[in-house]
Amino acid sequence: KMHGQGKLTQTDGGYFVGEFREGKRFNGTSTFTHKDGSSKSTVWADGVQTGAVICSQTYSSGATYQGALLNNKKHGFGTLTFPAGHAYTGMFQNNMRRGAGTLRHKDGSVYEGEWKQDKEHGQGKLTRPNGTIQEGEFRKGKFVSGAGVFVYANGSTYEGSVLEGKHHGQGKITNSDGYTWEGEFVQGELRTGHGTRYFPPSKTYQTGQWLNGQLHGPGKIFRKVR
C-alpha cells in the first residue's frame, strides 16, 4: 500500500502530491489541469478533501488569478494580475480584496497596506515613481487624515498631519535648498506657528511666528556668512 510521501498520477491527467497513509490520500493537494491550461488544486487534510481550492485560471476580461478559492470565489491568499499590467498580491475575502495586500501598478506605483471592500482602506503606504511617499490612513482608496510623509522628486519633504491628502495641522516642510517651515498648516499652506524661511540668493533667514503665511509678531532676520 502507498504510505508516506509520494505522487499519484490519475488517468484523466490529474495528480495528488503529498502524504499517503494505508493506501489513501491523507495530507496534500490534488491538482487537475483543464484543456485551456487553467488548473485547480484541492487541499486534503487528515484524509478529508476540504473545500479550499488552490487554482490558476484566466477570466474573460483577460485577468489571471493564482491562489485560493472557496465556493468558487477568490478567498484567502492569492495574486490577481490585470490586463492593464497592474497586479495585486495578498488576501481575498468573498471575491474582494480584504486584509493585508500589495498592489503594484504598471507605472511603478506601489501600495502596501490594508484593504476593505476591494479598495485601499486602513493603514498603508503608497510609493510613486516620482519619489513621493504617502504613509498613513487610507479610506475607500484615497489617502486621508492622519500622520503622513511626503517625499518629492525635487528633494522636498513634508512630515506631519494630513487631511484629504493635503498638509493640515502640525507639520514640517523642508526643501532641497534648505528652505524650512515648521508650524501649523491649513489645507496645504503654512498659516500659523513658528517657522524659518531661507532665501538662497541672499543667504538670508527669517525665523519667528507666522500668521496666514507671513511673519507676524517678534522675529529675527539674519544672513549666512559662509
C-alpha atoms as a PDB file:
ATOM      1  CA  LYS A   1       0.000   0.000   0.000  1.00  0.00           C
ATOM      2  CA  MET A   2       1.025   3.574  -0.623  1.00  0.00           C
ATOM      3  CA  HIS A   3       2.373   5.030   2.591  1.00  0.00           C
ATOM      4  CA  GLY A   4       4.423   8.166   3.201  1.00  0.00           C
ATOM      5  CA  GLN A   5       5.308  10.974   0.805  1.00  0.00           C
ATOM      6  CA  GLY A   6       4.598  10.455  -2.879  1.00  0.00           C
ATOM      7  CA  LYS A   7       2.804  11.409  -6.084  1.00  0.00           C
ATOM      8  CA  LEU A   8      -0.214   9.650  -7.606  1.00  0.00           C
ATOM      9  CA  THR A   9      -0.973  10.348 -11.282  1.00  0.00           C
ATOM     10  CA  GLN A  10      -4.521   9.654 -12.474  1.00  0.00           C
ATOM     11  CA  THR A  11      -5.688   8.538 -15.938  1.00  0.00           C
ATOM     12  CA  ASP A  12      -7.535  11.850 -16.505  1.00  0.00           C
ATOM     13  CA  GLY A  13      -4.301  13.801 -16.082  1.00  0.00           C
ATOM     14  CA  GLY A  14      -4.925  14.811 -12.512  1.00  0.00           C
ATOM     15  CA  TYR A  15      -2.452  14.051  -9.770  1.00  0.00           C
ATOM     16  CA  PHE A  16      -2.032  14.084  -5.999  1.00  0.00           C
ATOM     17  CA  VAL A  17       1.140  15.142  -4.231  1.00  0.00           C
ATOM     18  CA  GLY A  18       1.577  14.705  -0.512  1.00  0.00           C
ATOM     19  CA  GLU A  19       1.301  12.149   2.251  1.00  0.00           C
ATOM     20  CA  PHE A  20      -0.328   8.745   1.907  1.00  0.00           C
ATOM     21  CA  ARG A  21      -1.476   6.509   4.757  1.00  0.00           C
ATOM     22  CA  GLU A  22      -2.627   2.912   4.319  1.00  0.00           C
ATOM     23  CA  GLY A  23      -3.016   3.430   0.566  1.00  0.00           C
ATOM     24  CA  LYS A  24      -5.144   6.569   0.874  1.00  0.00           C
ATOM     25  CA  ARG A  25      -4.502  10.265   0.325  1.00  0.00           C
ATOM     26  CA  PHE A  26      -4.029  11.921   3.703  1.00  0.00           C
ATOM     27  CA  ASN A  27      -2.320  15.353   3.585  1.00  0.00           C
ATOM     28  CA  GLY A  28      -1.520  17.197   0.350  1.00  0.00           C
ATOM     29  CA  THR A  29      -3.100  18.591  -2.815  1.00  0.00           C
ATOM     30  CA  SER A  30      -4.985  17.095  -5.747  1.00  0.00           C
ATOM     31  CA  THR A  31      -4.455  19.021  -8.986  1.00  0.00           C
ATOM     32  CA  PHE A  32      -6.364  18.907 -12.264  1.00  0.00           C
ATOM     33  CA  THR A  33      -5.334  20.839 -15.382  1.00  0.00           C
ATOM     34  CA  HIS A  34      -8.045  21.881 -17.847  1.00  0.00           C
ATOM     35  CA  LYS A  35      -7.680  21.965 -21.636  1.00  0.00           C
ATOM     36  CA  ASP A  36      -7.374  25.784 -21.580  1.00  0.00           C
ATOM     37  CA  GLY A  37      -4.311  25.487 -19.344  1.00  0.00           C
ATOM     38  CA  SER A  38      -6.013  26.583 -16.140  1.00  0.00           C
ATOM     39  CA  SER A  39      -5.700  24.335 -13.124  1.00  0.00           C
ATOM     40  CA  LYS A  40      -7.287  23.767  -9.743  1.00  0.00           C
ATOM     41  CA  SER A  41      -5.854  22.083  -6.683  1.00  0.00           C
ATOM     42  CA  THR A  42      -7.962  20.945  -3.762  1.00  0.00           C
ATOM     43  CA  VAL A  43      -6.488  20.541  -0.317  1.00  0.00           C
ATOM     44  CA  TRP A  44      -6.514  17.298   1.677  1.00  0.00           C
ATOM     45  CA  ALA A  45      -6.189  17.391   5.459  1.00  0.00           C
ATOM     46  CA  ASP A  46      -6.244  14.330   7.720  1.00  0.00           C
ATOM     47  CA  GLY A  47      -7.704  12.170   4.965  1.00  0.00           C
ATOM     48  CA  VAL A  48     -10.538  14.566   4.094  1.00  0.00           C
ATOM     49  CA  GLN A  49     -10.799  16.693   0.945  1.00  0.00           C
ATOM     50  CA  THR A  50     -11.591  20.206   2.190  1.00  0.00           C
ATOM     51  CA  GLY A  51     -13.481  22.997   0.419  1.00  0.00           C
ATOM     52  CA  ALA A  52     -10.303  25.007  -0.018  1.00  0.00           C
ATOM     53  CA  VAL A  53      -9.023  25.165  -3.584  1.00  0.00           C
ATOM     54  CA  ILE A  54      -5.744  26.437  -4.989  1.00  0.00           C
ATOM     55  CA  CYS A  55      -6.163  27.434  -8.612  1.00  0.00           C
ATOM     56  CA  SER A  56      -4.641  29.054 -11.660  1.00  0.00           C
ATOM     57  CA  GLN A  57      -7.231  30.483 -14.021  1.00  0.00           C
ATOM     58  CA  THR A  58      -7.823  33.151 -16.670  1.00  0.00           C
ATOM     59  CA  TYR A  59     -11.019  35.223 -16.808  1.00  0.00           C
ATOM     60  CA  SER A  60     -12.855  36.506 -19.887  1.00  0.00           C
ATOM     61  CA  SER A  61     -11.564  40.011 -19.074  1.00  0.00           C
ATOM     62  CA  GLY A  62      -8.011  38.763 -19.572  1.00  0.00           C
ATOM     63  CA  ALA A  63      -7.179  38.915 -15.865  1.00  0.00           C
ATOM     64  CA  THR A  64      -5.425  35.916 -14.328  1.00  0.00           C
ATOM     65  CA  TYR A  65      -5.639  34.603 -10.773  1.00  0.00           C
ATOM     66  CA  GLN A  66      -3.418  32.222  -8.872  1.00  0.00           C
ATOM     67  CA  GLY A  67      -4.384  31.407  -5.327  1.00  0.00           C
ATOM     68  CA  ALA A  68      -7.051  30.088  -3.014  1.00  0.00           C
ATOM     69  CA  LEU A  69     -10.741  29.648  -3.804  1.00  0.00           C
ATOM     70  CA  LEU A  70     -13.688  28.894  -1.553  1.00  0.00           C
ATOM     71  CA  ASN A  71     -17.096  28.131  -3.069  1.00  0.00           C
ATOM     72  CA  ASN A  72     -15.614  29.131  -6.440  1.00  0.00           C
ATOM     73  CA  LYS A  73     -14.741  32.637  -5.174  1.00  0.00           C
ATOM     74  CA  LYS A  74     -11.335  34.174  -4.542  1.00  0.00           C
ATOM     75  CA  HIS A  75     -10.857  33.634  -0.822  1.00  0.00           C
ATOM     76  CA  GLY A  76      -7.566  33.511   1.056  1.00  0.00           C
ATOM     77  CA  PHE A  77      -4.114  34.347  -0.285  1.00  0.00           C
ATOM     78  CA  GLY A  78      -3.605  34.886  -3.992  1.00  0.00           C
ATOM     79  CA  THR A  79      -2.307  37.002  -6.869  1.00  0.00           C
ATOM     80  CA  LEU A  80      -4.620  38.762  -9.325  1.00  0.00           C
ATOM     81  CA  THR A  81      -2.983  40.199 -12.461  1.00  0.00           C
ATOM     82  CA  PHE A  82      -4.929  42.616 -14.665  1.00  0.00           C
ATOM     83  CA  PRO A  83      -4.568  43.080 -18.461  1.00  0.00           C
ATOM     84  CA  ALA A  84      -3.518  46.718 -17.923  1.00  0.00           C
ATOM     85  CA  GLY A  85      -0.369  45.442 -16.215  1.00  0.00           C
ATOM     86  CA  HIS A  86      -1.048  46.038 -12.525  1.00  0.00           C
ATOM     87  CA  ALA A  87      -1.119  43.162 -10.056  1.00  0.00           C
ATOM     88  CA  TYR A  88      -2.386  42.572  -6.519  1.00  0.00           C
ATOM     89  CA  THR A  89      -0.890  40.029  -4.137  1.00  0.00           C
ATOM     90  CA  GLY A  90      -2.483  39.458  -0.767  1.00  0.00           C
ATOM     91  CA  MET A  91      -5.661  38.399   0.970  1.00  0.00           C
ATOM     92  CA  PHE A  92      -9.110  37.997  -0.582  1.00  0.00           C
ATOM     93  CA  GLN A  93     -12.499  37.511   1.043  1.00  0.00           C
ATOM     94  CA  ASN A  94     -15.623  36.580  -0.908  1.00  0.00           C
ATOM     95  CA  ASN A  95     -14.058  37.582  -4.238  1.00  0.00           C
ATOM     96  CA  MET A  96     -12.871  41.003  -2.984  1.00  0.00           C
ATOM     97  CA  ARG A  97      -9.527  42.286  -1.740  1.00  0.00           C
ATOM     98  CA  ARG A  98      -9.691  42.471   2.040  1.00  0.00           C
ATOM     99  CA  GLY A  99      -6.947  42.380   4.681  1.00  0.00           C
ATOM    100  CA  ALA A 100      -3.246  42.886   4.001  1.00  0.00           C
ATOM    101  CA  GLY A 101      -2.110  43.190   0.399  1.00  0.00           C
ATOM    102  CA  THR A 102       0.193  44.868  -2.113  1.00  0.00           C
ATOM    103  CA  LEU A 103      -0.876  46.473  -5.391  1.00  0.00           C
ATOM    104  CA  ARG A 104       1.800  47.172  -7.999  1.00  0.00           C
ATOM    105  CA  HIS A 105       0.796  49.475 -10.857  1.00  0.00           C
ATOM    106  CA  LYS A 106       2.250  49.401 -14.355  1.00  0.00           C
ATOM    107  CA  ASP A 107       3.689  52.921 -13.867  1.00  0.00           C
ATOM    108  CA  GLY A 108       5.726  51.718 -10.885  1.00  0.00           C
ATOM    109  CA  SER A 109       3.451  52.958  -8.095  1.00  0.00           C
ATOM    110  CA  VAL A 110       3.147  50.526  -5.180  1.00  0.00           C
ATOM    111  CA  TYR A 111       0.561  50.420  -2.392  1.00  0.00           C
ATOM    112  CA  GLU A 112       1.258  48.239   0.632  1.00  0.00           C
ATOM    113  CA  GLY A 113      -1.263  48.013   3.430  1.00  0.00           C
ATOM    114  CA  GLU A 114      -4.814  47.222   4.415  1.00  0.00           C
ATOM    115  CA  TRP A 115      -7.782  46.618   2.111  1.00  0.00           C
ATOM    116  CA  LYS A 116     -11.553  46.574   2.574  1.00  0.00           C
ATOM    117  CA  GLN A 117     -14.375  46.177   0.046  1.00  0.00           C
ATOM    118  CA  ASP A 118     -11.808  45.841  -2.769  1.00  0.00           C
ATOM    119  CA  LYS A 119     -10.236  49.266  -2.009  1.00  0.00           C
ATOM    120  CA  GLU A 120      -7.224  50.587  -0.103  1.00  0.00           C
ATOM    121  CA  HIS A 121      -8.654  51.154   3.361  1.00  0.00           C
ATOM    122  CA  GLY A 122      -6.845  51.429   6.705  1.00  0.00           C
ATOM    123  CA  GLN A 123      -3.152  51.919   7.378  1.00  0.00           C
ATOM    124  CA  GLY A 124      -0.969  51.810   4.304  1.00  0.00           C
ATOM    125  CA  LYS A 125       1.912  53.207   2.303  1.00  0.00           C
ATOM    126  CA  LEU A 126       1.806  54.450  -1.282  1.00  0.00           C
ATOM    127  CA  THR A 127       5.082  54.964  -3.137  1.00  0.00           C
ATOM    128  CA  ARG A 128       5.020  56.699  -6.516  1.00  0.00           C
ATOM    129  CA  PRO A 129       7.712  56.548  -9.218  1.00  0.00           C
ATOM    130  CA  ASN A 130       8.437  60.297  -8.865  1.00  0.00           C
ATOM    131  CA  GLY A 131       9.707  59.681  -5.337  1.00  0.00           C
ATOM    132  CA  THR A 132       6.597  60.754  -3.453  1.00  0.00           C
ATOM    133  CA  ILE A 133       5.688  58.601  -0.453  1.00  0.00           C
ATOM    134  CA  GLN A 134       2.331  58.815   1.320  1.00  0.00           C
ATOM    135  CA  GLU A 135       2.086  56.860   4.541  1.00  0.00           C
ATOM    136  CA  GLY A 136      -0.850  56.903   6.910  1.00  0.00           C
ATOM    137  CA  GLU A 137      -4.589  56.303   6.767  1.00  0.00           C
ATOM    138  CA  PHE A 138      -6.455  55.437   3.565  1.00  0.00           C
ATOM    139  CA  ARG A 139     -10.234  55.417   3.151  1.00  0.00           C
ATOM    140  CA  LYS A 140     -12.036  53.900   0.198  1.00  0.00           C
ATOM    141  CA  GLY A 141      -8.949  54.124  -1.978  1.00  0.00           C
ATOM    142  CA  LYS A 142      -7.880  57.659  -1.009  1.00  0.00           C
ATOM    143  CA  PHE A 143      -5.163  58.956   1.309  1.00  0.00           C
ATOM    144  CA  VAL A 144      -6.914  60.990   4.023  1.00  0.00           C
ATOM    145  CA  SER A 145      -6.437  62.323   7.540  1.00  0.00           C
ATOM    146  CA  GLY A 146      -3.680  61.179   9.840  1.00  0.00           C
ATOM    147  CA  ALA A 147       0.077  61.420  10.014  1.00  0.00           C
ATOM    148  CA  GLY A 148       1.798  61.347   6.666  1.00  0.00           C
ATOM    149  CA  VAL A 149       5.146  61.620   4.968  1.00  0.00           C
ATOM    150  CA  PHE A 150       5.582  63.131   1.502  1.00  0.00           C
ATOM    151  CA  VAL A 151       8.875  62.827  -0.340  1.00  0.00           C
ATOM    152  CA  TYR A 152       9.018  64.685  -3.651  1.00  0.00           C
ATOM    153  CA  ALA A 153      11.311  64.096  -6.604  1.00  0.00           C
ATOM    154  CA  ASN A 154      12.750  67.630  -6.268  1.00  0.00           C
ATOM    155  CA  GLY A 155      14.105  66.735  -2.839  1.00  0.00           C
ATOM    156  CA  SER A 156      11.411  68.454  -0.780  1.00  0.00           C
ATOM    157  CA  THR A 157       9.942  66.563   2.168  1.00  0.00           C
ATOM    158  CA  TYR A 158       6.911  67.026   4.390  1.00  0.00           C
ATOM    159  CA  GLU A 159       6.340  65.310   7.710  1.00  0.00           C
ATOM    160  CA  GLY A 160       3.222  65.860   9.764  1.00  0.00           C
ATOM    161  CA  SER A 161      -0.547  65.810   9.773  1.00  0.00           C
ATOM    162  CA  VAL A 162      -2.557  65.280   6.602  1.00  0.00           C
ATOM    163  CA  LEU A 163      -6.220  65.874   5.796  1.00  0.00           C
ATOM    164  CA  GLU A 164      -7.759  64.860   2.465  1.00  0.00           C
ATOM    165  CA  GLY A 165      -4.288  64.415   1.019  1.00  0.00           C
ATOM    166  CA  LYS A 166      -3.081  67.928   1.942  1.00  0.00           C
ATOM    167  CA  HIS A 167      -0.756  69.244   4.658  1.00  0.00           C
ATOM    168  CA  HIS A 168      -3.083  70.101   7.531  1.00  0.00           C
ATOM    169  CA  GLY A 169      -2.232  70.508  11.210  1.00  0.00           C
ATOM    170  CA  GLN A 170       1.242  70.416  12.714  1.00  0.00           C
ATOM    171  CA  GLY A 171       3.985  69.655  10.254  1.00  0.00           C
ATOM    172  CA  LYS A 172       7.378  70.425   8.818  1.00  0.00           C
ATOM    173  CA  ILE A 173       8.327  71.034   5.204  1.00  0.00           C
ATOM    174  CA  THR A 174      11.934  71.090   4.043  1.00  0.00           C
ATOM    175  CA  ASN A 175      13.077  71.989   0.530  1.00  0.00           C
ATOM    176  CA  SER A 176      16.263  70.768  -1.093  1.00  0.00           C
ATOM    177  CA  ASP A 177      17.650  74.336  -0.950  1.00  0.00           C
ATOM    178  CA  GLY A 178      17.308  74.399   2.846  1.00  0.00           C
ATOM    179  CA  TYR A 179      14.076  76.388   2.919  1.00  0.00           C
ATOM    180  CA  THR A 180      12.238  75.072   6.012  1.00  0.00           C
ATOM    181  CA  TRP A 181       8.862  75.874   7.528  1.00  0.00           C
ATOM    182  CA  GLU A 182       7.556  74.245  10.664  1.00  0.00           C
ATOM    183  CA  GLY A 183       4.246  75.044  12.265  1.00  0.00           C
ATOM    184  CA  GLU A 184       0.545  74.750  11.594  1.00  0.00           C
ATOM    185  CA  PHE A 185      -0.660  74.096   8.058  1.00  0.00           C
ATOM    186  CA  VAL A 186      -4.206  74.619   6.785  1.00  0.00           C
ATOM    187  CA  GLN A 187      -5.221  72.880   3.558  1.00  0.00           C
ATOM    188  CA  GLY A 188      -1.689  72.717   2.239  1.00  0.00           C
ATOM    189  CA  GLU A 189      -0.421  76.159   3.298  1.00  0.00           C
ATOM    190  CA  LEU A 190       1.609  77.316   6.280  1.00  0.00           C
ATOM    191  CA  ARG A 191      -0.660  79.533   8.353  1.00  0.00           C
ATOM    192  CA  THR A 192       0.440  79.977  11.957  1.00  0.00           C
ATOM    193  CA  GLY A 193       3.191  78.847  14.261  1.00  0.00           C
ATOM    194  CA  HIS A 194       6.950  79.033  14.400  1.00  0.00           C
ATOM    195  CA  GLY A 195       8.862  78.744  11.162  1.00  0.00           C
ATOM    196  CA  THR A 196      12.057  79.569   9.370  1.00  0.00           C
ATOM    197  CA  ARG A 197      12.321  80.775   5.785  1.00  0.00           C
ATOM    198  CA  TYR A 198      15.588  80.721   3.877  1.00  0.00           C
ATOM    199  CA  PHE A 199      16.259  82.784   0.735  1.00  0.00           C
ATOM    200  CA  PRO A 200      19.128  81.144  -1.230  1.00  0.00           C
ATOM    201  CA  PRO A 201      20.105  84.188  -3.396  1.00  0.00           C
ATOM    202  CA  SER A 202      20.740  86.474  -0.407  1.00  0.00           C
ATOM    203  CA  LYS A 203      21.513  83.641   2.016  1.00  0.00           C
ATOM    204  CA  THR A 204      19.026  85.257   4.385  1.00  0.00           C
ATOM    205  CA  TYR A 205      16.968  83.514   7.050  1.00  0.00           C
ATOM    206  CA  GLN A 206      13.680  84.692   8.524  1.00  0.00           C
ATOM    207  CA  THR A 207      12.585  82.999  11.706  1.00  0.00           C
ATOM    208  CA  GLY A 208       9.740  83.707  14.089  1.00  0.00           C
ATOM    209  CA  GLN A 209       5.982  83.490  14.403  1.00  0.00           C
ATOM    210  CA  TRP A 210       3.867  83.270  11.268  1.00  0.00           C
ATOM    211  CA  LEU A 211       0.231  84.133  10.531  1.00  0.00           C
ATOM    212  CA  ASN A 212      -1.522  83.479   7.215  1.00  0.00           C
ATOM    213  CA  GLY A 213       1.775  82.623   5.568  1.00  0.00           C
ATOM    214  CA  GLN A 214       3.531  85.831   6.659  1.00  0.00           C
ATOM    215  CA  LEU A 215       5.826  86.767   9.538  1.00  0.00           C
ATOM    216  CA  HIS A 216       3.682  88.188  12.332  1.00  0.00           C
ATOM    217  CA  GLY A 217       4.984  89.472  15.661  1.00  0.00           C
ATOM    218  CA  PRO A 218       8.513  89.085  17.033  1.00  0.00           C
ATOM    219  CA  GLY A 219      11.023  87.539  14.666  1.00  0.00           C
ATOM    220  CA  LYS A 220      14.610  87.502  13.501  1.00  0.00           C
ATOM    221  CA  ILE A 221      16.317  88.073  10.165  1.00  0.00           C
ATOM    222  CA  PHE A 222      19.930  87.031   9.735  1.00  0.00           C
ATOM    223  CA  ARG A 223      22.360  86.233   6.948  1.00  0.00           C
ATOM    224  CA  LYS A 224      24.543  83.189   6.485  1.00  0.00           C
ATOM    225  CA  VAL A 225      28.210  84.278   6.380  1.00  0.00           C
ATOM    226  CA  ARG A 226      29.599  81.235   4.567  1.00  0.00           C
END
